[in-house]
N, C-alpha and C. Protein backbone atom coordinates (compact mmCIF):
# COMPACT_ATOMS: atom_id res chain seq x y z
N MET A 1 -6.18 -6.36 25.91
CA MET A 1 -5.60 -7.25 24.89
C MET A 1 -6.64 -7.58 23.83
N TYR A 2 -6.21 -7.59 22.59
CA TYR A 2 -7.09 -7.95 21.47
C TYR A 2 -6.54 -9.20 20.79
N SER A 3 -7.42 -10.13 20.50
CA SER A 3 -6.99 -11.38 19.85
C SER A 3 -6.94 -11.26 18.34
N HIS A 4 -7.54 -10.19 17.81
CA HIS A 4 -7.53 -10.02 16.36
C HIS A 4 -7.71 -8.53 16.03
N ILE A 5 -7.57 -8.21 14.75
CA ILE A 5 -7.82 -6.86 14.26
C ILE A 5 -8.76 -6.96 13.06
N TYR A 6 -9.26 -5.81 12.63
CA TYR A 6 -9.96 -5.71 11.36
C TYR A 6 -8.99 -5.13 10.34
N LEU A 7 -8.94 -5.72 9.16
CA LEU A 7 -8.09 -5.23 8.08
C LEU A 7 -8.97 -4.61 7.01
N ALA A 8 -8.78 -3.32 6.77
CA ALA A 8 -9.56 -2.62 5.76
C ALA A 8 -8.74 -2.54 4.47
N SER A 9 -8.44 -3.69 3.92
CA SER A 9 -7.69 -3.77 2.67
C SER A 9 -7.96 -5.13 2.05
N GLN A 10 -8.13 -5.15 0.74
CA GLN A 10 -8.34 -6.42 0.05
C GLN A 10 -7.06 -6.94 -0.56
N SER A 11 -5.93 -6.31 -0.26
CA SER A 11 -4.65 -6.71 -0.83
C SER A 11 -4.24 -8.10 -0.33
N PRO A 12 -4.07 -9.07 -1.23
CA PRO A 12 -3.60 -10.40 -0.80
C PRO A 12 -2.22 -10.33 -0.14
N ARG A 13 -1.40 -9.39 -0.58
CA ARG A 13 -0.04 -9.28 -0.02
C ARG A 13 -0.09 -8.83 1.43
N ARG A 14 -0.95 -7.87 1.75
CA ARG A 14 -1.07 -7.43 3.15
C ARG A 14 -1.61 -8.57 4.02
N GLN A 15 -2.53 -9.33 3.49
CA GLN A 15 -3.06 -10.46 4.25
C GLN A 15 -1.96 -11.48 4.52
N GLU A 16 -1.16 -11.78 3.52
CA GLU A 16 -0.06 -12.74 3.68
C GLU A 16 0.94 -12.26 4.72
N LEU A 17 1.26 -10.97 4.72
CA LEU A 17 2.26 -10.43 5.63
C LEU A 17 1.75 -10.43 7.07
N LEU A 18 0.47 -10.15 7.27
CA LEU A 18 -0.09 -10.25 8.62
C LEU A 18 -0.06 -11.69 9.13
N LYS A 19 -0.38 -12.63 8.26
CA LYS A 19 -0.30 -14.04 8.66
C LYS A 19 1.14 -14.43 9.00
N GLN A 20 2.08 -13.86 8.27
CA GLN A 20 3.49 -14.16 8.49
C GLN A 20 3.93 -13.81 9.91
N ILE A 21 3.38 -12.73 10.46
CA ILE A 21 3.78 -12.31 11.81
C ILE A 21 2.76 -12.74 12.87
N GLY A 22 1.86 -13.66 12.49
CA GLY A 22 0.97 -14.27 13.46
C GLY A 22 -0.19 -13.42 13.93
N VAL A 23 -0.61 -12.46 13.10
CA VAL A 23 -1.73 -11.60 13.48
C VAL A 23 -3.02 -12.15 12.88
N GLN A 24 -4.00 -12.40 13.73
CA GLN A 24 -5.30 -12.83 13.26
C GLN A 24 -6.13 -11.60 12.87
N PHE A 25 -6.82 -11.69 11.76
CA PHE A 25 -7.57 -10.53 11.28
C PHE A 25 -8.86 -10.96 10.62
N GLU A 26 -9.77 -10.01 10.56
CA GLU A 26 -11.04 -10.18 9.86
C GLU A 26 -11.16 -9.04 8.88
N MET A 27 -11.63 -9.33 7.68
CA MET A 27 -11.72 -8.32 6.65
C MET A 27 -12.92 -7.40 6.89
N LEU A 28 -12.70 -6.10 6.66
CA LEU A 28 -13.80 -5.14 6.57
C LEU A 28 -13.96 -4.80 5.10
N VAL A 29 -14.78 -5.55 4.43
CA VAL A 29 -14.89 -5.46 2.97
C VAL A 29 -15.77 -4.28 2.58
N ALA A 30 -15.35 -3.59 1.52
CA ALA A 30 -16.14 -2.47 1.00
C ALA A 30 -17.47 -2.98 0.45
N PRO A 31 -18.58 -2.35 0.81
CA PRO A 31 -19.88 -2.78 0.27
C PRO A 31 -19.98 -2.48 -1.22
N ALA A 32 -20.87 -3.18 -1.88
CA ALA A 32 -21.10 -2.95 -3.30
C ALA A 32 -21.49 -1.50 -3.54
N GLY A 33 -20.88 -0.89 -4.55
CA GLY A 33 -21.21 0.48 -4.89
C GLY A 33 -20.27 1.51 -4.30
N GLU A 34 -19.42 1.10 -3.35
CA GLU A 34 -18.47 2.05 -2.76
C GLU A 34 -17.33 2.30 -3.75
N ASP A 35 -17.09 3.55 -4.10
CA ASP A 35 -16.10 3.92 -5.10
C ASP A 35 -14.74 4.12 -4.43
N THR A 36 -14.01 3.02 -4.26
CA THR A 36 -12.71 3.10 -3.60
C THR A 36 -11.65 3.77 -4.49
N GLU A 37 -11.80 3.64 -5.80
CA GLU A 37 -10.81 4.22 -6.71
C GLU A 37 -10.82 5.74 -6.65
N ALA A 38 -11.99 6.35 -6.44
CA ALA A 38 -12.08 7.81 -6.39
C ALA A 38 -11.28 8.36 -5.22
N ILE A 39 -11.21 7.61 -4.14
CA ILE A 39 -10.43 8.04 -2.98
C ILE A 39 -8.97 8.22 -3.35
N GLU A 40 -8.47 7.39 -4.27
CA GLU A 40 -7.06 7.35 -4.60
C GLU A 40 -6.65 8.32 -5.70
N THR A 41 -7.55 9.19 -6.11
CA THR A 41 -7.21 10.19 -7.12
C THR A 41 -6.38 11.31 -6.48
N PRO A 42 -5.15 11.55 -6.96
CA PRO A 42 -4.32 12.60 -6.36
C PRO A 42 -4.93 13.99 -6.57
N LEU A 43 -4.70 14.88 -5.62
CA LEU A 43 -5.09 16.27 -5.77
C LEU A 43 -4.06 17.00 -6.62
N PRO A 44 -4.41 18.12 -7.23
CA PRO A 44 -3.45 18.87 -8.05
C PRO A 44 -2.20 19.24 -7.24
N ASN A 45 -1.03 18.92 -7.81
CA ASN A 45 0.28 19.27 -7.22
C ASN A 45 0.52 18.63 -5.86
N GLU A 46 -0.20 17.56 -5.56
CA GLU A 46 -0.05 16.90 -4.27
C GLU A 46 1.26 16.11 -4.20
N LYS A 47 1.99 16.25 -3.11
CA LYS A 47 3.22 15.51 -2.89
C LYS A 47 2.89 14.09 -2.43
N ALA A 48 3.83 13.18 -2.69
CA ALA A 48 3.56 11.76 -2.44
C ALA A 48 3.27 11.49 -0.97
N ARG A 49 4.06 12.07 -0.05
CA ARG A 49 3.83 11.82 1.37
C ARG A 49 2.47 12.37 1.81
N ASP A 50 2.12 13.57 1.34
CA ASP A 50 0.81 14.14 1.68
C ASP A 50 -0.31 13.26 1.12
N TYR A 51 -0.09 12.77 -0.09
CA TYR A 51 -1.10 11.93 -0.75
C TYR A 51 -1.35 10.64 0.02
N VAL A 52 -0.29 9.91 0.34
CA VAL A 52 -0.46 8.61 0.97
C VAL A 52 -1.03 8.76 2.38
N GLN A 53 -0.67 9.85 3.05
CA GLN A 53 -1.23 10.12 4.37
C GLN A 53 -2.72 10.44 4.26
N ARG A 54 -3.08 11.31 3.34
CA ARG A 54 -4.50 11.69 3.18
C ARG A 54 -5.35 10.48 2.83
N VAL A 55 -4.91 9.71 1.85
CA VAL A 55 -5.69 8.57 1.38
C VAL A 55 -5.90 7.55 2.50
N THR A 56 -4.86 7.30 3.28
CA THR A 56 -4.97 6.29 4.33
C THR A 56 -5.90 6.75 5.45
N PHE A 57 -5.86 8.04 5.78
CA PHE A 57 -6.78 8.54 6.80
C PHE A 57 -8.23 8.51 6.30
N VAL A 58 -8.44 8.79 5.02
CA VAL A 58 -9.80 8.70 4.47
C VAL A 58 -10.28 7.26 4.52
N LYS A 59 -9.41 6.32 4.13
CA LYS A 59 -9.77 4.90 4.18
C LYS A 59 -10.10 4.48 5.62
N SER A 60 -9.33 5.03 6.56
CA SER A 60 -9.55 4.69 7.97
C SER A 60 -10.92 5.17 8.44
N ALA A 61 -11.29 6.38 8.08
CA ALA A 61 -12.59 6.93 8.48
C ALA A 61 -13.73 6.11 7.86
N ILE A 62 -13.56 5.71 6.62
CA ILE A 62 -14.59 4.91 5.95
C ILE A 62 -14.68 3.53 6.60
N ALA A 63 -13.52 2.95 6.95
CA ALA A 63 -13.51 1.64 7.59
C ALA A 63 -14.22 1.68 8.95
N LEU A 64 -14.04 2.77 9.68
CA LEU A 64 -14.71 2.91 10.97
C LEU A 64 -16.23 2.91 10.78
N LYS A 65 -16.70 3.59 9.74
CA LYS A 65 -18.13 3.60 9.45
C LYS A 65 -18.62 2.20 9.06
N ARG A 66 -17.77 1.46 8.33
CA ARG A 66 -18.15 0.08 7.98
C ARG A 66 -18.32 -0.75 9.24
N TRP A 67 -17.38 -0.59 10.18
CA TRP A 67 -17.48 -1.35 11.44
C TRP A 67 -18.75 -0.95 12.19
N GLN A 68 -19.05 0.34 12.26
CA GLN A 68 -20.23 0.80 12.99
C GLN A 68 -21.51 0.21 12.42
N ALA A 69 -21.52 0.00 11.10
CA ALA A 69 -22.71 -0.56 10.45
C ALA A 69 -22.76 -2.08 10.55
N SER A 70 -21.65 -2.70 10.96
CA SER A 70 -21.58 -4.16 10.94
C SER A 70 -22.20 -4.82 12.17
N GLY A 71 -22.22 -4.09 13.29
CA GLY A 71 -22.72 -4.68 14.52
C GLY A 71 -21.76 -5.65 15.18
N LYS A 72 -20.53 -5.69 14.70
CA LYS A 72 -19.53 -6.62 15.25
C LYS A 72 -18.85 -6.01 16.48
N PRO A 73 -18.29 -6.86 17.36
CA PRO A 73 -17.57 -6.35 18.52
C PRO A 73 -16.32 -5.58 18.10
N TRP A 74 -15.87 -4.67 18.97
CA TRP A 74 -14.75 -3.81 18.62
C TRP A 74 -13.43 -4.56 18.61
N ALA A 75 -12.58 -4.21 17.65
CA ALA A 75 -11.18 -4.59 17.60
C ALA A 75 -10.47 -3.50 16.81
N PRO A 76 -9.17 -3.31 17.00
CA PRO A 76 -8.46 -2.27 16.25
C PRO A 76 -8.61 -2.47 14.74
N ILE A 77 -8.62 -1.35 14.02
CA ILE A 77 -8.79 -1.36 12.56
C ILE A 77 -7.50 -0.87 11.91
N LEU A 78 -6.94 -1.69 11.03
CA LEU A 78 -5.71 -1.34 10.32
C LEU A 78 -6.01 -0.99 8.87
N CYS A 79 -5.54 0.19 8.46
CA CYS A 79 -5.64 0.62 7.06
C CYS A 79 -4.24 0.91 6.54
N ALA A 80 -4.06 0.73 5.24
CA ALA A 80 -2.75 0.99 4.64
C ALA A 80 -2.94 1.45 3.20
N ASP A 81 -1.96 2.20 2.74
CA ASP A 81 -1.94 2.59 1.33
C ASP A 81 -0.48 2.73 0.91
N THR A 82 -0.20 2.34 -0.32
CA THR A 82 1.17 2.39 -0.85
C THR A 82 1.17 3.17 -2.16
N THR A 83 2.18 4.02 -2.30
CA THR A 83 2.34 4.71 -3.58
C THR A 83 3.81 4.72 -3.96
N VAL A 84 4.06 4.92 -5.23
CA VAL A 84 5.41 4.97 -5.79
C VAL A 84 5.66 6.39 -6.28
N SER A 85 6.88 6.87 -6.06
CA SER A 85 7.16 8.27 -6.38
C SER A 85 8.57 8.44 -6.96
N LEU A 86 8.65 9.26 -7.99
CA LEU A 86 9.92 9.83 -8.44
C LEU A 86 9.93 11.26 -7.92
N PRO A 87 10.51 11.50 -6.75
CA PRO A 87 10.40 12.82 -6.11
C PRO A 87 10.85 13.95 -7.03
N ASN A 88 10.03 15.00 -7.07
CA ASN A 88 10.32 16.21 -7.83
C ASN A 88 10.33 16.01 -9.34
N HIS A 89 9.96 14.84 -9.81
CA HIS A 89 9.82 14.62 -11.24
C HIS A 89 8.49 15.23 -11.69
N PRO A 90 8.48 16.02 -12.75
CA PRO A 90 7.23 16.72 -13.13
C PRO A 90 6.07 15.77 -13.43
N ASP A 91 6.36 14.55 -13.86
CA ASP A 91 5.29 13.61 -14.19
C ASP A 91 5.29 12.39 -13.27
N GLY A 92 6.10 12.42 -12.21
CA GLY A 92 6.24 11.20 -11.44
C GLY A 92 6.19 11.35 -9.94
N GLU A 93 5.66 12.46 -9.44
CA GLU A 93 5.57 12.61 -7.99
C GLU A 93 4.73 11.48 -7.38
N ILE A 94 3.64 11.12 -8.06
CA ILE A 94 2.79 10.02 -7.59
C ILE A 94 2.53 9.10 -8.78
N LEU A 95 3.01 7.86 -8.68
CA LEU A 95 2.80 6.87 -9.74
C LEU A 95 1.89 5.79 -9.17
N GLY A 96 0.62 5.89 -9.48
CA GLY A 96 -0.35 4.96 -8.93
C GLY A 96 -0.49 3.71 -9.76
N LYS A 97 -1.66 3.09 -9.67
CA LYS A 97 -1.93 1.86 -10.42
C LYS A 97 -2.21 2.21 -11.88
N PRO A 98 -1.62 1.49 -12.82
CA PRO A 98 -1.85 1.80 -14.23
C PRO A 98 -3.30 1.55 -14.64
N SER A 99 -3.82 2.45 -15.46
CA SER A 99 -5.21 2.33 -15.89
C SER A 99 -5.36 1.38 -17.08
N ASN A 100 -4.29 1.18 -17.83
CA ASN A 100 -4.32 0.28 -18.99
C ASN A 100 -2.88 -0.05 -19.39
N SER A 101 -2.71 -0.79 -20.48
CA SER A 101 -1.37 -1.21 -20.91
C SER A 101 -0.49 -0.03 -21.28
N GLN A 102 -1.08 0.99 -21.92
CA GLN A 102 -0.30 2.15 -22.30
C GLN A 102 0.19 2.92 -21.08
N ASP A 103 -0.64 2.99 -20.08
CA ASP A 103 -0.25 3.68 -18.85
C ASP A 103 0.84 2.88 -18.12
N ALA A 104 0.72 1.56 -18.11
CA ALA A 104 1.76 0.72 -17.49
C ALA A 104 3.09 0.92 -18.20
N GLU A 105 3.04 0.99 -19.52
CA GLU A 105 4.27 1.20 -20.30
C GLU A 105 4.90 2.55 -19.96
N ARG A 106 4.07 3.57 -19.85
CA ARG A 106 4.55 4.91 -19.50
C ARG A 106 5.25 4.91 -18.15
N ILE A 107 4.63 4.27 -17.16
CA ILE A 107 5.19 4.25 -15.81
C ILE A 107 6.50 3.48 -15.79
N LEU A 108 6.53 2.32 -16.41
CA LEU A 108 7.74 1.50 -16.40
C LEU A 108 8.89 2.18 -17.13
N GLU A 109 8.58 2.89 -18.19
CA GLU A 109 9.63 3.64 -18.90
C GLU A 109 10.18 4.77 -18.03
N MET A 110 9.33 5.37 -17.21
CA MET A 110 9.78 6.41 -16.29
C MET A 110 10.70 5.85 -15.20
N LEU A 111 10.36 4.65 -14.70
CA LEU A 111 11.14 4.05 -13.63
C LEU A 111 12.45 3.45 -14.13
N SER A 112 12.49 3.07 -15.38
CA SER A 112 13.66 2.38 -15.95
C SER A 112 14.96 3.16 -15.71
N GLY A 113 15.92 2.49 -15.07
CA GLY A 113 17.24 3.08 -14.86
C GLY A 113 17.31 4.11 -13.75
N LYS A 114 16.24 4.27 -12.99
CA LYS A 114 16.21 5.31 -11.95
C LYS A 114 15.97 4.68 -10.57
N THR A 115 16.24 5.47 -9.54
CA THR A 115 15.91 5.09 -8.17
C THR A 115 14.66 5.86 -7.76
N HIS A 116 13.67 5.14 -7.29
CA HIS A 116 12.41 5.77 -6.89
C HIS A 116 12.11 5.45 -5.44
N GLU A 117 11.08 6.08 -4.91
CA GLU A 117 10.65 5.85 -3.53
C GLU A 117 9.33 5.09 -3.51
N VAL A 118 9.20 4.21 -2.53
CA VAL A 118 7.92 3.55 -2.26
C VAL A 118 7.50 3.96 -0.86
N LEU A 119 6.34 4.59 -0.76
CA LEU A 119 5.84 5.07 0.52
C LEU A 119 4.60 4.27 0.92
N THR A 120 4.64 3.68 2.11
CA THR A 120 3.48 2.98 2.63
C THR A 120 3.06 3.63 3.94
N ALA A 121 1.82 4.06 3.99
CA ALA A 121 1.26 4.66 5.20
C ALA A 121 0.41 3.63 5.93
N LEU A 122 0.50 3.64 7.25
CA LEU A 122 -0.32 2.79 8.10
C LEU A 122 -1.12 3.65 9.06
N VAL A 123 -2.38 3.35 9.22
CA VAL A 123 -3.23 3.99 10.22
C VAL A 123 -3.90 2.89 11.02
N LEU A 124 -3.69 2.88 12.34
CA LEU A 124 -4.31 1.90 13.21
C LEU A 124 -5.23 2.62 14.19
N THR A 125 -6.52 2.36 14.07
CA THR A 125 -7.50 2.90 15.01
C THR A 125 -7.60 1.94 16.19
N VAL A 126 -7.03 2.35 17.31
CA VAL A 126 -6.95 1.47 18.48
C VAL A 126 -8.28 1.41 19.22
N ASP A 127 -8.94 2.55 19.35
CA ASP A 127 -10.27 2.59 19.95
C ASP A 127 -11.04 3.75 19.33
N GLN A 128 -12.28 3.93 19.74
CA GLN A 128 -13.14 4.93 19.10
C GLN A 128 -13.00 6.32 19.71
N LYS A 129 -12.19 6.45 20.76
CA LYS A 129 -12.13 7.71 21.48
C LYS A 129 -10.84 8.49 21.23
N THR A 130 -9.77 7.80 20.87
CA THR A 130 -8.47 8.47 20.70
C THR A 130 -8.10 8.54 19.22
N ASN A 131 -7.19 9.46 18.91
CA ASN A 131 -6.73 9.59 17.54
C ASN A 131 -6.00 8.33 17.09
N PRO A 132 -6.14 7.95 15.84
CA PRO A 132 -5.46 6.75 15.34
C PRO A 132 -3.93 6.91 15.40
N LEU A 133 -3.25 5.77 15.48
CA LEU A 133 -1.79 5.75 15.34
C LEU A 133 -1.46 5.81 13.85
N PHE A 134 -0.38 6.51 13.52
CA PHE A 134 -0.08 6.75 12.11
C PHE A 134 1.42 6.78 11.87
N LEU A 135 1.84 6.23 10.73
CA LEU A 135 3.24 6.38 10.31
C LEU A 135 3.33 6.20 8.79
N VAL A 136 4.44 6.70 8.24
CA VAL A 136 4.76 6.48 6.83
C VAL A 136 6.15 5.87 6.75
N GLN A 137 6.25 4.73 6.11
CA GLN A 137 7.55 4.07 5.90
C GLN A 137 7.98 4.31 4.44
N VAL A 138 9.23 4.73 4.26
CA VAL A 138 9.73 5.07 2.92
C VAL A 138 10.93 4.19 2.58
N SER A 139 10.90 3.57 1.43
CA SER A 139 12.02 2.77 0.93
C SER A 139 12.48 3.31 -0.41
N GLU A 140 13.76 3.13 -0.71
CA GLU A 140 14.31 3.50 -2.01
C GLU A 140 14.55 2.23 -2.83
N VAL A 141 14.12 2.27 -4.08
CA VAL A 141 14.22 1.10 -4.95
C VAL A 141 14.97 1.48 -6.22
N GLN A 142 16.05 0.77 -6.49
CA GLN A 142 16.80 0.99 -7.73
C GLN A 142 16.22 0.09 -8.81
N PHE A 143 15.94 0.68 -9.96
CA PHE A 143 15.41 -0.07 -11.09
C PHE A 143 16.49 -0.21 -12.16
N ALA A 144 16.60 -1.38 -12.75
CA ALA A 144 17.52 -1.58 -13.87
C ALA A 144 16.99 -0.88 -15.12
N HIS A 145 17.86 -0.70 -16.10
CA HIS A 145 17.42 -0.20 -17.40
C HIS A 145 16.64 -1.32 -18.09
N LEU A 146 15.42 -1.02 -18.48
CA LEU A 146 14.56 -2.02 -19.11
C LEU A 146 14.48 -1.78 -20.61
N SER A 147 14.58 -2.86 -21.35
CA SER A 147 14.42 -2.75 -22.80
C SER A 147 12.93 -2.70 -23.14
N LYS A 148 12.65 -2.29 -24.35
CA LYS A 148 11.26 -2.25 -24.82
C LYS A 148 10.64 -3.64 -24.73
N GLU A 149 11.41 -4.64 -25.08
CA GLU A 149 10.91 -6.02 -25.06
C GLU A 149 10.60 -6.47 -23.62
N GLN A 150 11.47 -6.11 -22.68
CA GLN A 150 11.22 -6.47 -21.28
C GLN A 150 9.92 -5.85 -20.77
N ILE A 151 9.72 -4.58 -21.12
CA ILE A 151 8.51 -3.89 -20.68
C ILE A 151 7.27 -4.52 -21.31
N THR A 152 7.33 -4.79 -22.60
CA THR A 152 6.20 -5.40 -23.31
C THR A 152 5.84 -6.76 -22.73
N ASN A 153 6.87 -7.59 -22.49
CA ASN A 153 6.62 -8.93 -21.95
C ASN A 153 6.08 -8.87 -20.53
N TYR A 154 6.58 -7.92 -19.76
CA TYR A 154 6.11 -7.81 -18.38
C TYR A 154 4.65 -7.37 -18.33
N ILE A 155 4.29 -6.44 -19.16
CA ILE A 155 2.89 -6.00 -19.22
C ILE A 155 1.99 -7.15 -19.68
N ALA A 156 2.48 -7.94 -20.62
CA ALA A 156 1.70 -9.07 -21.13
C ALA A 156 1.46 -10.12 -20.04
N SER A 157 2.33 -10.16 -19.03
CA SER A 157 2.15 -11.11 -17.92
C SER A 157 0.95 -10.75 -17.04
N GLY A 158 0.53 -9.47 -17.11
CA GLY A 158 -0.60 -9.00 -16.31
C GLY A 158 -0.22 -8.53 -14.92
N GLU A 159 1.03 -8.73 -14.53
CA GLU A 159 1.43 -8.39 -13.16
C GLU A 159 1.37 -6.90 -12.83
N PRO A 160 1.62 -5.99 -13.78
CA PRO A 160 1.63 -4.57 -13.42
C PRO A 160 0.29 -4.02 -12.94
N PHE A 161 -0.81 -4.67 -13.30
CA PHE A 161 -2.12 -4.08 -13.04
C PHE A 161 -2.55 -4.29 -11.59
N GLY A 162 -3.15 -3.23 -11.03
CA GLY A 162 -3.56 -3.27 -9.65
C GLY A 162 -2.44 -2.99 -8.67
N LYS A 163 -1.28 -2.57 -9.18
CA LYS A 163 -0.13 -2.31 -8.33
C LYS A 163 0.40 -0.90 -8.56
N ALA A 164 0.62 -0.16 -7.48
CA ALA A 164 1.23 1.16 -7.59
C ALA A 164 2.60 1.04 -8.23
N GLY A 165 2.88 1.93 -9.18
CA GLY A 165 4.16 1.87 -9.88
C GLY A 165 4.24 0.82 -10.96
N ALA A 166 3.15 0.10 -11.18
CA ALA A 166 3.05 -0.88 -12.27
C ALA A 166 4.03 -2.05 -12.14
N TYR A 167 4.38 -2.42 -10.91
CA TYR A 167 5.21 -3.61 -10.74
C TYR A 167 5.00 -4.20 -9.35
N GLY A 168 5.36 -5.49 -9.24
CA GLY A 168 5.32 -6.16 -7.94
C GLY A 168 6.68 -6.73 -7.62
N ILE A 169 7.29 -6.28 -6.54
CA ILE A 169 8.63 -6.73 -6.19
C ILE A 169 8.63 -8.21 -5.82
N GLN A 170 7.50 -8.72 -5.33
CA GLN A 170 7.43 -10.10 -4.90
C GLN A 170 7.17 -11.05 -6.05
N GLY A 171 6.98 -10.51 -7.26
CA GLY A 171 6.72 -11.33 -8.44
C GLY A 171 7.82 -11.17 -9.48
N ARG A 172 7.42 -11.17 -10.74
CA ARG A 172 8.40 -11.05 -11.82
C ARG A 172 9.14 -9.72 -11.79
N GLY A 173 8.48 -8.70 -11.24
CA GLY A 173 9.11 -7.39 -11.16
C GLY A 173 10.36 -7.38 -10.32
N GLY A 174 10.51 -8.35 -9.43
CA GLY A 174 11.71 -8.42 -8.61
C GLY A 174 12.98 -8.59 -9.43
N ALA A 175 12.84 -9.13 -10.65
CA ALA A 175 14.00 -9.33 -11.53
C ALA A 175 14.54 -8.01 -12.09
N PHE A 176 13.80 -6.92 -11.91
CA PHE A 176 14.23 -5.62 -12.42
C PHE A 176 14.94 -4.78 -11.35
N ILE A 177 15.09 -5.33 -10.15
CA ILE A 177 15.52 -4.51 -9.01
C ILE A 177 16.87 -4.98 -8.47
N PRO A 178 17.96 -4.27 -8.80
CA PRO A 178 19.29 -4.66 -8.29
C PRO A 178 19.44 -4.47 -6.79
N SER A 179 18.79 -3.43 -6.23
CA SER A 179 18.97 -3.17 -4.80
C SER A 179 17.82 -2.33 -4.26
N ILE A 180 17.64 -2.47 -2.95
CA ILE A 180 16.68 -1.62 -2.24
C ILE A 180 17.33 -1.08 -0.98
N LYS A 181 16.80 0.02 -0.49
CA LYS A 181 17.22 0.57 0.79
C LYS A 181 15.95 0.84 1.57
N GLY A 182 15.70 0.02 2.59
CA GLY A 182 14.48 0.20 3.35
C GLY A 182 13.85 -1.13 3.70
N SER A 183 12.55 -1.25 3.49
CA SER A 183 11.77 -2.41 3.91
C SER A 183 11.21 -3.15 2.70
N TYR A 184 11.64 -4.40 2.53
CA TYR A 184 11.10 -5.22 1.44
C TYR A 184 9.60 -5.39 1.61
N SER A 185 9.16 -5.69 2.83
CA SER A 185 7.72 -5.88 3.06
C SER A 185 6.95 -4.58 2.89
N GLY A 186 7.61 -3.45 3.20
CA GLY A 186 6.97 -2.15 2.97
C GLY A 186 6.72 -1.90 1.50
N ILE A 187 7.66 -2.33 0.67
CA ILE A 187 7.49 -2.19 -0.78
C ILE A 187 6.34 -3.08 -1.26
N MET A 188 6.15 -4.21 -0.60
CA MET A 188 5.03 -5.09 -0.93
C MET A 188 3.69 -4.48 -0.51
N GLY A 189 3.73 -3.60 0.50
CA GLY A 189 2.47 -2.96 0.90
C GLY A 189 2.20 -2.93 2.39
N LEU A 190 3.08 -3.60 3.19
CA LEU A 190 2.88 -3.58 4.64
C LEU A 190 4.24 -3.78 5.33
N PRO A 191 4.87 -2.71 5.80
CA PRO A 191 6.16 -2.86 6.49
C PRO A 191 5.95 -3.57 7.82
N ILE A 192 6.39 -4.83 7.91
CA ILE A 192 5.98 -5.64 9.06
C ILE A 192 6.67 -5.21 10.35
N TYR A 193 7.86 -4.64 10.28
CA TYR A 193 8.47 -4.15 11.52
C TYR A 193 7.63 -3.01 12.11
N GLU A 194 7.33 -2.02 11.28
CA GLU A 194 6.55 -0.88 11.75
C GLU A 194 5.13 -1.29 12.14
N ALA A 195 4.53 -2.19 11.35
CA ALA A 195 3.19 -2.67 11.69
C ALA A 195 3.20 -3.39 13.04
N SER A 196 4.25 -4.16 13.29
CA SER A 196 4.37 -4.86 14.56
C SER A 196 4.45 -3.89 15.73
N GLN A 197 5.18 -2.79 15.55
CA GLN A 197 5.30 -1.79 16.59
C GLN A 197 3.92 -1.21 16.95
N LEU A 198 3.13 -0.89 15.93
CA LEU A 198 1.80 -0.34 16.18
C LEU A 198 0.90 -1.36 16.86
N LEU A 199 0.95 -2.60 16.40
CA LEU A 199 0.08 -3.63 16.95
C LEU A 199 0.47 -3.99 18.38
N ASP A 200 1.77 -3.97 18.66
CA ASP A 200 2.21 -4.21 20.04
C ASP A 200 1.72 -3.10 20.97
N PHE A 201 1.79 -1.87 20.48
CA PHE A 201 1.31 -0.73 21.28
C PHE A 201 -0.17 -0.88 21.59
N ALA A 202 -0.92 -1.40 20.61
CA ALA A 202 -2.36 -1.59 20.78
C ALA A 202 -2.71 -2.86 21.53
N LYS A 203 -1.67 -3.62 21.94
CA LYS A 203 -1.86 -4.86 22.70
C LYS A 203 -2.64 -5.90 21.92
N VAL A 204 -2.23 -6.09 20.67
CA VAL A 204 -2.81 -7.14 19.83
C VAL A 204 -1.95 -8.38 19.97
N THR A 205 -2.54 -9.50 20.34
CA THR A 205 -1.79 -10.73 20.56
C THR A 205 -1.48 -11.42 19.22
N ARG A 206 -0.50 -12.31 19.26
CA ARG A 206 -0.11 -13.08 18.07
C ARG A 206 -0.37 -14.57 18.33
N ILE A 207 -0.42 -15.32 17.26
CA ILE A 207 -0.57 -16.77 17.39
C ILE A 207 0.75 -17.44 17.02
């Protein structure tokens, strides 16, 4: 039995969702100088599912090295990554975090009026000897048709930045979404049903 886990993510949303289901965690923070953004650069012609799986496993391996250097006692390590995809779209197979306002505008215009996928991968390293547990949760999100003014105002709010697909369903971006099929928490970045299944398997206790 484990009383807590290590979370290798600085996402406030993932932290909130773990607290919601009573999981105690300690952050495995990236040291200064570690280029986390380079990990998230898609490979040429990479599909969204392959991308999110690869990135999460790389993050998991790096997190294990962080733990080894920390000298802390062992606990399972949870890593996650979320991406947004317009499947088979020539410019939208992987829609990551916008690099600037123009990029956010481009992404939001692509999503406007369409149904896209949100893929969140989870990797849980239960111990140092066995292969990590892994899954990908996929949700479908319908986006309303957005006017130029809506897009401009939303970008001005600052919410699109730091978020895959240039929006946050838990914030103002939720007003653009008539319906979803899948996991609301998965779209936020941590599907709590699936995460609970992995944590229960690893015998992580709740408070």
